[in-house]
Amino acid sequence: MRQIEPPRSALVVTLRYLGDALLSTPLVHALKQRYPECAVDVLVFAGTEGVFEGNRDVARVIAVPERENKSDTLRRVVALWKKYDLALMGQTGTRPFLFCWAAGRRRVGLVSREAGKSWWKRALLDRHAMVDPNGARVLENMRVAELLGIDTIPSVIAPTAGWGTREVGAALGFDPAGQPFAVLHPSPRWRYKQWTAEGWRTLIGALWSQQLRVVVTGGPGAGEREYLDALLQSVEATRYARFDGRLSLAQTADLLRHASLYVGPDTATTHLAAACGTPTVTLYGPTDPAIWGPWPARDGAAYRRVESQQRRGNVLLLQNPDLACVPCQLEGCERHRGSHSDCLDQLPAGRVVDAAVQMLGGPR
């Protein structure tokens, strides 16, 4: 394979949601480690820029709307034309391909296995690999690095706002060095990823009995806020502090770095906790962890498709294998984002509490 000349500038195209964008940081990191003099920019959806805050591997973040008309896309393609020595994409799709193809004098990326859909992309890329739709997303991104001859262990790079113990303590209202705390994130963006409100209440009580303060995080959306209002209504206010909608993604990462425990469903914050090295318990329902499992800060490896619990480094992943349909990879039992999911509704609180105590190192 002909060597690609060391690039002075590179663009990584990652047009995905927050958690997916975070899982692209190992590719950016691997590129920067191999070519330390290369200025690496990333092209992302607007609203996901926070994934790269404080990331020393990234020179500039370029944000584009998630949806735009063809004429705006064409103007953007023209503006990017041959601005970079190298352009990379760890995903398929026509729009990310167009940006990658336009921006780089050399272009490398993943393409669909269906020749009828990707033959022209294969012809226009300098190097390509066929995507494995069932492969772990972190490892799929690293296959792009391998096309450049970079063979390294994936390292997810979490953002940072530069908060240390003093800033985290100021936000919390207590000294995290002297008072251990757990972060719970009960409200995923979509209903079909939710665990039960009663389960969360049981967990809060159990953590309180372990002498841990409980910090509840969540997104700024009205739906998530209303869900937390209802969930916490019957919980004694002294047992938790709410930070939903109050912290940026980077500030949340700094908070997580000081936490003794994190518990959450399949959501971007869970991937963030895993990357920060926080002891993490995550609850997976319809989502296939073999593809979308959170990559730990150390000792990473792909997850099996279904198992009662799986430990990877600082992450303990729980599923409900009693249901034969797990994981269905669908949007809940009713096949839409507002649907319930039986596999999560029937996940016993005792299993989650036991997992949390396990990740804390046993009863306190």
Protein backbone atom coordinates (compact mmCIF):
# COMPACT_ATOMS: atom_id res chain seq x y z
CA MET A 1 0.00 0.00 0.00
CA ARG A 2 1.48 3.33 -1.08
CA GLN A 3 2.34 5.59 1.85
CA ILE A 4 0.34 8.79 2.23
CA GLU A 5 2.62 11.79 2.68
CA PRO A 6 2.43 13.18 6.24
CA PRO A 7 -0.37 15.75 6.18
CA ARG A 8 0.02 19.29 7.47
CA SER A 9 -3.76 19.70 7.69
CA ALA A 10 -6.61 17.23 8.03
CA LEU A 11 -10.40 17.24 8.37
CA VAL A 12 -12.36 14.53 10.18
CA VAL A 13 -16.03 14.44 9.16
CA THR A 14 -18.31 13.17 11.94
CA LEU A 15 -21.92 14.12 11.24
CA ARG A 16 -23.55 12.24 14.10
CA TYR A 17 -25.31 12.80 17.44
CA LEU A 18 -23.43 13.63 20.67
CA GLY A 19 -22.52 10.12 21.78
CA ASP A 20 -21.53 9.10 18.27
CA ALA A 21 -19.37 12.21 17.87
CA LEU A 22 -17.61 11.36 21.14
CA LEU A 23 -16.83 7.89 19.79
CA SER A 24 -15.03 9.53 16.84
CA THR A 25 -12.42 11.14 19.12
CA PRO A 26 -10.16 8.04 19.09
CA LEU A 27 -9.72 8.53 15.33
CA VAL A 28 -8.81 12.21 15.84
CA HIS A 29 -6.44 11.27 18.67
CA ALA A 30 -4.75 8.52 16.67
CA LEU A 31 -4.24 10.89 13.73
CA LYS A 32 -2.71 13.57 15.94
CA GLN A 33 -0.46 11.07 17.73
CA ARG A 34 0.88 9.82 14.40
CA TYR A 35 1.25 13.29 12.86
CA PRO A 36 1.80 15.73 15.77
CA GLU A 37 2.51 18.66 13.43
CA CYS A 38 -0.80 18.20 11.60
CA ALA A 39 -3.61 20.70 12.31
CA VAL A 40 -6.76 18.57 12.67
CA ASP A 41 -10.21 20.14 12.20
CA VAL A 42 -13.52 18.34 12.72
CA LEU A 43 -16.77 18.87 10.84
CA VAL A 44 -19.81 18.17 13.03
CA PHE A 45 -23.53 18.79 13.38
CA ALA A 46 -24.42 22.05 15.11
CA GLY A 47 -25.17 21.28 18.74
CA THR A 48 -22.43 18.65 19.10
CA GLU A 49 -19.48 21.05 19.19
CA GLY A 50 -19.21 20.63 22.98
CA VAL A 51 -17.87 17.10 22.48
CA PHE A 52 -14.54 18.63 21.42
CA GLU A 53 -14.27 21.45 24.01
CA GLY A 54 -10.81 21.48 25.55
CA ASN A 55 -9.64 18.69 23.22
CA ARG A 56 -5.98 19.40 22.48
CA ASP A 57 -6.04 17.20 19.40
CA VAL A 58 -8.47 19.53 17.61
CA ALA A 59 -7.47 22.81 15.99
CA ARG A 60 -10.95 23.96 14.93
CA VAL A 61 -14.54 22.74 15.04
CA ILE A 62 -16.74 23.46 12.02
CA ALA A 63 -20.47 23.09 12.69
CA VAL A 64 -23.09 22.55 9.98
CA PRO A 65 -26.88 22.28 10.33
CA GLU A 66 -28.24 18.77 10.76
CA ARG A 67 -30.56 19.47 7.85
CA GLU A 68 -30.01 21.88 4.98
CA ASN A 69 -31.17 22.14 1.39
CA LYS A 70 -29.13 20.95 -1.58
CA SER A 71 -28.03 24.41 -2.66
CA ASP A 72 -26.61 25.18 0.81
CA THR A 73 -24.80 21.85 0.85
CA LEU A 74 -23.34 22.59 -2.58
CA ARG A 75 -22.11 26.01 -1.44
CA ARG A 76 -20.46 24.36 1.55
CA VAL A 77 -18.80 21.78 -0.70
CA VAL A 78 -17.37 24.58 -2.84
CA ALA A 79 -16.12 26.46 0.25
CA LEU A 80 -14.29 23.33 1.47
CA TRP A 81 -12.72 22.49 -1.87
CA LYS A 82 -9.18 21.11 -1.42
CA LYS A 83 -8.54 23.05 1.80
CA TYR A 84 -6.92 20.06 3.51
CA ASP A 85 -4.10 17.66 2.73
CA LEU A 86 -6.22 14.80 4.10
CA ALA A 87 -9.93 14.24 4.79
CA LEU A 88 -11.33 11.28 6.75
CA MET A 89 -14.81 9.94 7.42
CA GLY A 90 -15.71 7.09 9.75
CA GLN A 91 -19.29 6.77 8.47
CA THR A 92 -21.22 6.20 5.30
CA GLY A 93 -23.81 8.54 3.80
CA THR A 94 -23.78 10.83 0.80
CA ARG A 95 -23.55 14.16 2.62
CA PRO A 96 -20.51 13.29 4.78
CA PHE A 97 -18.91 11.74 1.70
CA LEU A 98 -19.38 14.94 -0.32
CA PHE A 99 -17.71 17.01 2.40
CA CYS A 100 -14.85 14.52 2.73
CA TRP A 101 -14.34 14.28 -1.04
CA ALA A 102 -14.43 18.06 -1.50
CA ALA A 103 -12.19 18.99 1.43
CA GLY A 104 -9.22 16.66 1.00
CA ARG A 105 -6.48 16.34 -1.55
CA ARG A 106 -6.36 12.79 -0.18
CA ARG A 107 -9.60 11.13 0.96
CA VAL A 108 -10.01 8.06 3.17
CA GLY A 109 -13.16 6.57 4.65
CA LEU A 110 -15.76 3.87 5.08
CA VAL A 111 -18.25 2.84 2.42
CA SER A 112 -21.33 0.64 2.29
CA ARG A 113 -20.90 -3.05 1.50
CA GLU A 114 -23.60 -2.69 -1.17
CA ALA A 115 -21.67 -2.06 -4.37
CA GLY A 116 -24.74 -0.57 -6.03
CA LYS A 117 -24.77 2.21 -3.47
CA SER A 118 -21.06 2.83 -3.05
CA TRP A 119 -19.18 1.98 -6.26
CA TRP A 120 -18.74 5.64 -7.15
CA LYS A 121 -17.57 6.49 -3.63
CA ARG A 122 -15.00 3.71 -3.78
CA ALA A 123 -13.75 5.10 -7.06
CA LEU A 124 -13.37 8.63 -5.68
CA LEU A 125 -11.67 7.71 -2.39
CA ASP A 126 -7.92 7.14 -2.23
CA ARG A 127 -8.47 4.40 0.34
CA HIS A 128 -11.60 2.82 1.71
CA ALA A 129 -12.88 0.01 3.89
CA MET A 130 -16.34 -1.52 3.86
CA VAL A 131 -18.31 -0.71 6.99
CA ASP A 132 -19.47 -3.52 9.27
CA PRO A 133 -23.01 -2.52 10.31
CA ASN A 134 -22.72 -4.79 13.37
CA GLY A 135 -19.26 -3.65 14.41
CA ALA A 136 -18.47 -1.57 17.49
CA ARG A 137 -18.52 2.07 16.42
CA VAL A 138 -15.24 2.89 18.14
CA LEU A 139 -13.49 0.08 16.29
CA GLU A 140 -15.13 1.05 12.99
CA ASN A 141 -13.68 4.55 13.36
CA MET A 142 -10.28 3.03 14.08
CA ARG A 143 -10.45 1.08 10.82
CA VAL A 144 -10.07 4.43 9.09
CA ALA A 145 -6.86 4.99 11.06
CA GLU A 146 -5.67 1.54 10.01
CA LEU A 147 -6.08 2.56 6.36
CA LEU A 148 -3.37 5.14 7.08
CA GLY A 149 -1.13 2.50 8.66
CA ILE A 150 -1.97 3.65 12.20
CA ASP A 151 -2.49 0.69 14.52
CA THR A 152 -3.19 1.84 18.07
CA ILE A 153 -5.50 1.18 21.03
CA PRO A 154 -8.63 3.37 20.87
CA SER A 155 -8.70 6.20 23.38
CA VAL A 156 -11.94 8.17 23.76
CA ILE A 157 -11.10 11.78 24.66
CA ALA A 158 -13.72 13.43 26.84
CA PRO A 159 -14.14 17.22 26.74
CA THR A 160 -13.17 19.51 29.60
CA ALA A 161 -14.05 23.00 30.76
CA GLY A 162 -10.86 23.11 32.81
CA TRP A 163 -12.69 22.58 36.11
CA GLY A 164 -10.67 21.19 38.99
CA THR A 165 -11.76 20.25 42.49
CA ARG A 166 -12.37 23.88 43.49
CA GLU A 167 -14.67 24.65 40.55
CA VAL A 168 -16.56 21.37 40.89
CA GLY A 169 -16.98 22.02 44.62
CA ALA A 170 -18.28 25.52 43.94
CA ALA A 171 -20.89 24.13 41.55
CA LEU A 172 -21.94 21.34 43.93
CA GLY A 173 -21.92 23.40 47.10
CA PHE A 174 -19.70 20.91 48.94
CA ASP A 175 -16.12 19.65 48.79
CA PRO A 176 -16.01 16.57 46.50
CA ALA A 177 -12.67 15.56 48.02
CA GLY A 178 -14.31 15.09 51.41
CA GLN A 179 -17.81 14.00 50.42
CA PRO A 180 -18.22 11.15 47.87
CA PHE A 181 -21.09 11.54 45.44
CA ALA A 182 -22.85 9.62 42.68
CA VAL A 183 -24.17 11.06 39.43
CA LEU A 184 -27.47 9.69 38.10
CA HIS A 185 -28.78 10.51 34.62
CA PRO A 186 -32.34 9.09 34.53
CA SER A 187 -33.64 10.96 31.48
CA PRO A 188 -32.39 9.90 28.06
CA ARG A 189 -33.45 11.94 25.07
CA TRP A 190 -35.93 9.27 23.92
CA ARG A 191 -38.59 7.51 26.00
CA TYR A 192 -37.75 4.03 24.70
CA LYS A 193 -34.39 4.16 26.52
CA GLN A 194 -35.91 5.00 29.94
CA TRP A 195 -35.77 2.80 33.00
CA THR A 196 -38.62 2.99 35.55
CA ALA A 197 -39.16 5.98 37.83
CA GLU A 198 -39.66 3.61 40.77
CA GLY A 199 -36.34 1.97 40.00
CA TRP A 200 -34.54 5.31 40.12
CA ARG A 201 -36.19 6.20 43.42
CA THR A 202 -35.06 2.89 44.91
CA LEU A 203 -31.53 3.50 43.69
CA ILE A 204 -31.41 7.01 45.18
CA GLY A 205 -32.45 5.59 48.54
CA ALA A 206 -29.85 2.84 48.34
CA LEU A 207 -27.05 5.27 47.48
CA TRP A 208 -28.13 7.57 50.31
CA SER A 209 -27.82 4.63 52.70
CA GLN A 210 -24.27 4.16 51.38
CA GLN A 211 -23.44 7.72 52.55
CA LEU A 212 -23.23 9.07 49.01
CA ARG A 213 -24.70 12.37 47.95
CA VAL A 214 -26.74 12.05 44.77
CA VAL A 215 -26.36 14.48 41.86
CA VAL A 216 -29.03 14.25 39.15
CA THR A 217 -28.11 15.42 35.64
CA GLY A 218 -30.21 15.78 32.52
CA GLY A 219 -30.61 17.68 29.29
CA PRO A 220 -32.21 21.13 28.89
CA GLY A 221 -35.30 19.86 27.05
CA ALA A 222 -38.73 20.48 28.55
CA GLY A 223 -39.67 16.80 28.25
CA GLU A 224 -36.63 15.65 30.21
CA ARG A 225 -37.23 18.29 32.88
CA GLU A 226 -40.88 17.26 33.28
CA TYR A 227 -39.86 13.62 33.58
CA LEU A 228 -37.43 14.45 36.40
CA ASP A 229 -40.05 16.63 38.11
CA ALA A 230 -42.39 13.64 38.29
CA LEU A 231 -39.67 11.14 39.21
CA LEU A 232 -38.27 13.21 42.10
CA GLN A 233 -41.56 14.55 43.43
CA SER A 234 -41.79 11.91 46.17
CA VAL A 235 -38.05 11.80 46.97
CA GLU A 236 -36.86 13.71 50.02
CA ALA A 237 -35.20 16.87 48.72
CA THR A 238 -32.18 16.53 51.01
CA ARG A 239 -31.18 13.30 49.25
CA TYR A 240 -30.30 14.78 45.86
CA ALA A 241 -29.23 17.91 43.98
CA ARG A 242 -30.50 18.64 40.46
CA PHE A 243 -28.24 19.90 37.71
CA ASP A 244 -30.37 19.15 34.65
CA GLY A 245 -29.88 21.81 31.98
CA ARG A 246 -27.35 23.71 34.11
CA LEU A 247 -24.03 22.30 32.89
CA SER A 248 -22.35 22.17 29.52
CA LEU A 249 -21.11 18.83 28.24
CA ALA A 250 -17.53 19.74 29.17
CA GLN A 251 -18.56 20.86 32.67
CA THR A 252 -20.48 17.61 33.09
CA ALA A 253 -17.32 15.71 32.14
CA ASP A 254 -15.32 17.57 34.80
CA LEU A 255 -18.05 16.77 37.35
CA LEU A 256 -17.94 13.10 36.37
CA ARG A 257 -14.18 12.95 36.84
CA HIS A 258 -14.75 13.67 40.55
CA ALA A 259 -17.70 11.27 41.03
CA SER A 260 -17.46 7.94 42.84
CA LEU A 261 -20.17 6.43 40.63
CA TYR A 262 -22.32 7.10 37.59
CA VAL A 263 -25.55 5.31 36.64
CA GLY A 264 -27.44 5.98 33.43
CA PRO A 265 -29.15 4.46 30.38
CA ASP A 266 -27.94 4.40 26.78
CA THR A 267 -27.24 8.10 26.33
CA ALA A 268 -24.37 10.47 25.47
CA THR A 269 -23.71 11.20 29.16
CA THR A 270 -23.09 7.49 29.75
CA HIS A 271 -20.45 7.43 27.01
CA LEU A 272 -18.98 10.54 28.62
CA ALA A 273 -18.80 8.90 32.07
CA ALA A 274 -17.11 5.84 30.60
CA ALA A 275 -14.52 7.99 28.83
CA CYS A 276 -13.84 9.98 32.03
CA GLY A 277 -12.90 6.80 33.90
CA THR A 278 -15.83 7.13 36.32
CA PRO A 279 -17.10 3.80 37.72
CA THR A 280 -20.13 3.43 35.45
CA VAL A 281 -23.27 1.30 35.56
CA THR A 282 -25.30 1.52 32.36
CA LEU A 283 -28.73 0.09 31.58
CA TYR A 284 -29.23 -1.16 28.03
CA GLY A 285 -32.57 -2.17 26.54
CA PRO A 286 -33.29 -2.23 22.78
CA THR A 287 -29.81 -0.95 21.85
CA ASP A 288 -27.20 -3.51 20.81
CA PRO A 289 -24.12 -3.00 23.04
CA ALA A 290 -21.94 -4.89 20.55
CA ILE A 291 -22.37 -1.81 18.33
CA TRP A 292 -23.07 1.05 20.72
CA GLY A 293 -21.64 -0.04 24.08
CA PRO A 294 -19.76 2.70 25.98
CA TRP A 295 -16.00 2.45 25.55
CA PRO A 296 -14.17 2.50 28.90
CA ALA A 297 -11.21 4.70 29.75
CA ARG A 298 -9.03 1.57 29.92
CA ASP A 299 -9.20 -2.15 29.10
CA GLY A 300 -11.63 -1.59 26.23
CA ALA A 301 -13.07 -4.44 24.18
CA ALA A 302 -16.22 -5.02 22.17
CA TYR A 303 -19.28 -6.16 24.12
CA ARG A 304 -21.26 -9.31 23.44
CA ARG A 305 -24.72 -8.81 21.96
CA VAL A 306 -26.61 -9.92 25.06
CA GLU A 307 -25.65 -10.99 28.56
CA SER A 308 -27.01 -10.29 32.01
CA GLN A 309 -24.00 -8.10 32.81
CA GLN A 310 -20.71 -7.35 31.13
CA ARG A 311 -17.69 -5.63 32.66
CA ARG A 312 -15.28 -3.61 30.54
CA GLY A 313 -12.75 -1.61 32.51
CA ASN A 314 -14.64 1.01 34.52
CA VAL A 315 -18.00 0.11 32.90
CA LEU A 316 -20.57 -2.47 34.04
CA LEU A 317 -23.30 -2.91 31.43
CA LEU A 318 -26.65 -4.45 32.43
CA GLN A 319 -29.27 -6.01 30.15
CA ASN A 320 -32.46 -7.99 30.65
CA PRO A 321 -31.77 -11.28 28.82
CA ASP A 322 -35.01 -12.80 30.16
CA LEU A 323 -36.72 -11.38 27.07
CA ALA A 324 -35.77 -13.22 23.89
CA CYS A 325 -36.06 -10.03 21.80
CA VAL A 326 -33.16 -8.27 23.57
CA PRO A 327 -31.56 -6.36 21.92
CA CYS A 328 -34.04 -5.69 19.13
CA GLN A 329 -32.28 -2.55 17.82
CA LEU A 330 -35.71 -0.96 17.37
CA GLU A 331 -37.30 2.11 18.93
CA GLY A 332 -39.08 0.34 21.77
CA CYS A 333 -41.95 -2.12 21.74
CA GLU A 334 -44.17 0.26 19.75
CA ARG A 335 -41.43 1.16 17.25
CA HIS A 336 -41.28 4.89 17.89
CA ARG A 337 -39.15 7.14 20.09
CA GLY A 338 -41.95 7.79 22.56
CA SER A 339 -42.52 4.07 23.12
CA HIS A 340 -41.96 2.06 26.29
CA SER A 341 -39.51 -0.87 26.28
CA ASP A 342 -40.50 -3.99 28.19
CA CYS A 343 -36.87 -5.01 28.65
CA LEU A 344 -36.19 -1.85 30.68
CA ASP A 345 -39.60 -1.71 32.38
CA GLN A 346 -38.96 -5.22 33.70
CA LEU A 347 -35.33 -4.68 34.77
CA PRO A 348 -35.38 -5.21 38.58
CA ALA A 349 -34.18 -2.39 40.80
CA GLY A 350 -32.29 -4.92 42.93
CA ARG A 351 -30.00 -5.78 40.03
CA VAL A 352 -29.12 -2.14 39.47
CA VAL A 353 -28.53 -1.49 43.17
CA ASP A 354 -26.30 -4.58 43.43
CA ALA A 355 -24.31 -3.42 40.37
CA ALA A 356 -23.89 0.06 41.86
CA VAL A 357 -22.61 -1.36 45.16
CA GLN A 358 -20.26 -3.65 43.22
CA MET A 359 -18.78 -0.70 41.31
CA LEU A 360 -18.35 1.20 44.58
CA GLY A 361 -16.22 -1.67 45.85
CA GLY A 362 -18.79 -3.26 48.13
CA PRO A 363 -20.99 -1.97 50.97
CA ARG A 364 -19.72 1.23 52.56
